[in-house]
Amino acid sequence: MLEQHRRRRLPISVVVTAGGAAGPRLDPTLDSLGDFGQVCVVDRLEVDGAPASITLRDLPLDFDWVLFLDAGEVVSSRLAGELSALFHLGVPEHVAYDVLIDLRVAGRKLPFGHRRVMRSLARRDRMTWPVPGQRTSRPIIDGTVGRLRGRLELATATDQRRRLPAPRSARDRETFGVT
């Protein structure tokens, strides 16, 4: 399934991997993408030879730059502003950018160490994907990689807190909403 929304703003094609998610997980992601020139939503995206509903080469992308997101990841206003400045100043310095992802549980950002880095933005003509068996899911970049200061936010369902380790401090109990 491929659903496409065209807008003319940032010269970036956003590929959102929904993985069958709908409604509550996908809606916030799509709501955060109003500044981007193109948004493509796919069920699954083949990047490493595994069976999938669509490959990156099959997507009718309008732009050289691609931002990869999963359902539930939200572009923060700071990241959108940073991307806007980066692309309106001319050609970006690097051919790919890593973005930090902050985890939110029950609407609250988790403190200290609950984040991960993703290679989220890249020029599609300067990246390849690892072959099956390699121990990475990041694209292989032909050129320099920068890091953006703005962040993605990954909002989880309220009941996700049950899968996290037991809170050890008063601050953790407050963050997780545990009394």
Protein backbone atom coordinates (compact mmCIF):
# COMPACT_ATOMS: atom_id res chain seq x y z
CA MET A 1 0.00 0.00 0.00
CA LEU A 2 1.34 3.41 -0.95
CA GLU A 3 -0.40 6.57 0.08
CA GLN A 4 1.06 9.83 -1.15
CA HIS A 5 0.47 13.43 -0.12
CA ARG A 6 2.14 16.21 -2.15
CA ARG A 7 3.04 19.57 -0.68
CA ARG A 8 5.50 22.20 -1.89
CA ARG A 9 7.63 23.28 1.02
CA LEU A 10 10.93 21.74 2.09
CA PRO A 11 12.62 19.88 -0.80
CA ILE A 12 12.53 16.62 1.16
CA SER A 13 10.56 13.44 0.47
CA VAL A 14 9.46 11.82 3.72
CA VAL A 15 9.01 8.04 3.75
CA VAL A 16 6.90 6.86 6.69
CA THR A 17 6.93 3.14 7.39
CA ALA A 18 3.56 2.42 8.96
CA GLY A 19 3.96 -1.32 9.50
CA GLY A 20 0.20 -1.73 9.59
CA ALA A 21 -0.19 1.07 12.16
CA ALA A 22 -3.13 3.35 11.73
CA GLY A 23 -4.85 6.11 13.61
CA PRO A 24 -3.27 6.74 16.99
CA ARG A 25 0.34 5.97 15.96
CA LEU A 26 0.28 7.33 12.41
CA ASP A 27 -1.78 10.50 12.90
CA PRO A 28 0.75 12.41 15.06
CA THR A 29 3.51 11.55 12.59
CA LEU A 30 1.54 12.87 9.62
CA ASP A 31 0.44 15.95 11.57
CA SER A 32 4.11 16.89 12.11
CA LEU A 33 4.99 16.79 8.38
CA GLY A 34 3.25 19.92 7.10
CA ASP A 35 6.56 21.61 6.17
CA PHE A 36 7.76 18.85 3.83
CA GLY A 37 7.40 18.73 0.05
CA GLN A 38 6.26 15.11 -0.19
CA VAL A 39 5.06 12.43 2.20
CA CYS A 40 4.85 8.74 1.23
CA VAL A 41 3.32 6.24 3.64
CA VAL A 42 4.19 2.57 3.10
CA ASP A 43 3.31 -0.57 5.05
CA ARG A 44 6.87 -1.87 4.96
CA LEU A 45 9.96 -0.78 3.07
CA GLU A 46 12.53 -3.24 1.78
CA VAL A 47 16.03 -2.07 2.57
CA ASP A 48 17.99 -5.26 3.19
CA GLY A 49 16.60 -7.87 0.82
CA ALA A 50 13.82 -9.04 3.16
CA PRO A 51 10.36 -9.44 1.63
CA ALA A 52 8.36 -6.22 1.78
CA SER A 53 5.46 -4.51 0.09
CA ILE A 54 7.64 -1.89 -1.65
CA THR A 55 11.29 -0.99 -2.22
CA LEU A 56 12.85 2.45 -2.08
CA ARG A 57 13.50 2.29 -5.83
CA ASP A 58 9.76 1.78 -6.44
CA LEU A 59 8.73 4.98 -4.68
CA PRO A 60 7.95 7.95 -6.94
CA LEU A 61 10.09 10.37 -4.94
CA ASP A 62 10.12 14.00 -6.05
CA PHE A 63 13.25 15.11 -4.20
CA ASP A 64 16.88 14.03 -3.80
CA TRP A 65 16.69 14.24 -0.01
CA VAL A 66 14.78 11.56 1.92
CA LEU A 67 13.73 11.62 5.57
CA PHE A 68 12.95 8.14 6.95
CA LEU A 69 10.42 7.86 9.78
CA ASP A 70 8.46 5.11 11.47
CA ALA A 71 4.83 5.55 12.55
CA GLY A 72 4.85 7.20 15.95
CA GLU A 73 7.93 9.35 15.29
CA VAL A 74 7.12 13.06 15.32
CA VAL A 75 9.22 15.86 13.81
CA SER A 76 9.71 18.48 16.55
CA SER A 77 9.22 22.15 15.69
CA ARG A 78 12.93 22.69 16.42
CA LEU A 79 13.93 20.00 13.89
CA ALA A 80 11.53 21.40 11.27
CA GLY A 81 13.00 24.88 11.79
CA GLU A 82 16.57 23.57 11.55
CA LEU A 83 15.78 21.72 8.31
CA SER A 84 14.11 24.82 6.90
CA ALA A 85 17.19 26.94 7.66
CA LEU A 86 19.52 24.24 6.29
CA PHE A 87 17.71 23.94 2.95
CA HIS A 88 16.87 27.60 2.44
CA LEU A 89 20.51 28.62 2.90
CA GLY A 90 21.54 26.56 -0.12
CA VAL A 91 23.10 23.12 -0.49
CA PRO A 92 23.54 21.31 2.85
CA GLU A 93 27.15 20.69 3.92
CA HIS A 94 26.80 16.91 4.41
CA VAL A 95 25.13 14.16 2.35
CA ALA A 96 23.39 12.60 5.37
CA TYR A 97 22.35 13.63 8.85
CA ASP A 98 21.82 11.72 12.07
CA VAL A 99 18.91 12.75 14.28
CA LEU A 100 18.38 12.03 17.97
CA ILE A 101 15.08 10.45 18.93
CA ASP A 102 13.64 11.26 22.34
CA LEU A 103 11.30 8.69 23.88
CA ARG A 104 8.01 9.82 25.42
CA VAL A 105 5.86 7.67 27.67
CA ALA A 106 2.40 8.81 28.77
CA GLY A 107 3.11 12.19 27.17
CA ARG A 108 6.32 12.82 29.11
CA LYS A 109 9.85 12.91 27.75
CA LEU A 110 12.02 10.34 29.48
CA PRO A 111 15.12 11.83 31.14
CA PHE A 112 18.72 10.70 30.97
CA GLY A 113 19.78 8.16 28.42
CA HIS A 114 16.41 7.21 26.94
CA ARG A 115 17.20 8.25 23.38
CA ARG A 116 18.70 6.80 20.29
CA VAL A 117 20.39 8.14 17.17
CA MET A 118 19.06 7.35 13.72
CA ARG A 119 20.50 8.13 10.31
CA SER A 120 17.23 9.68 9.27
CA LEU A 121 17.99 12.17 6.49
CA ALA A 122 20.11 11.42 3.42
CA ARG A 123 20.56 12.17 -0.26
CA ARG A 124 19.17 9.12 -2.00
CA ASP A 125 21.85 9.20 -4.73
CA ARG A 126 24.61 8.99 -2.08
CA MET A 127 23.35 6.04 -0.02
CA THR A 128 23.13 2.29 -0.31
CA TRP A 129 21.64 -0.22 2.08
CA PRO A 130 23.59 -3.00 3.78
CA VAL A 131 23.44 -6.44 2.27
CA PRO A 132 21.67 -9.20 4.22
CA GLY A 133 23.82 -10.45 7.07
CA GLN A 134 25.51 -7.13 7.86
CA ARG A 135 24.97 -6.00 11.44
CA THR A 136 23.51 -2.58 10.71
CA SER A 137 20.19 -1.20 9.56
CA ARG A 138 21.62 2.22 8.74
CA PRO A 139 22.18 3.22 5.13
CA ILE A 140 25.79 3.26 3.96
CA ILE A 141 26.68 6.82 3.02
CA ASP A 142 29.10 7.91 0.32
CA GLY A 143 30.20 11.22 1.84
CA THR A 144 30.18 13.05 5.15
CA VAL A 145 27.52 12.65 7.84
CA GLY A 146 26.43 15.49 10.11
CA ARG A 147 24.19 15.58 13.15
CA LEU A 148 21.14 17.81 13.53
CA ARG A 149 20.35 19.44 16.87
CA GLY A 150 16.58 19.25 16.46
CA ARG A 151 15.02 15.96 17.51
CA LEU A 152 12.42 13.44 16.59
CA GLU A 153 10.07 12.35 19.33
CA LEU A 154 8.78 8.80 19.64
CA ALA A 155 5.50 8.74 21.50
CA THR A 156 4.53 5.41 22.98
CA ALA A 157 1.19 4.26 24.27
CA THR A 158 0.47 4.75 27.95
CA ASP A 159 0.58 1.02 28.57
CA GLN A 160 4.14 0.85 27.18
CA ARG A 161 5.42 1.85 30.61
CA ARG A 162 4.70 -1.72 31.80
CA ARG A 163 7.49 -3.00 29.54
CA LEU A 164 10.09 -0.60 30.93
CA PRO A 165 12.28 -1.33 33.96
CA ALA A 166 10.80 -0.58 37.36
CA PRO A 167 11.39 3.04 38.39
CA ARG A 168 14.14 3.36 40.99
CA SER A 169 13.87 6.96 42.09
CA ALA A 170 11.14 9.45 42.90
CA ARG A 171 11.95 11.26 39.64
CA ASP A 172 11.56 8.03 37.64
CA ARG A 173 8.25 7.26 39.36
CA GLU A 174 7.02 10.74 38.46
CA THR A 175 8.17 10.35 34.83
CA PHE A 176 6.50 6.96 34.43
CA GLY A 177 3.35 8.05 36.26
CA VAL A 178 3.79 5.36 38.91
CA THR A 179 2.73 6.16 42.46
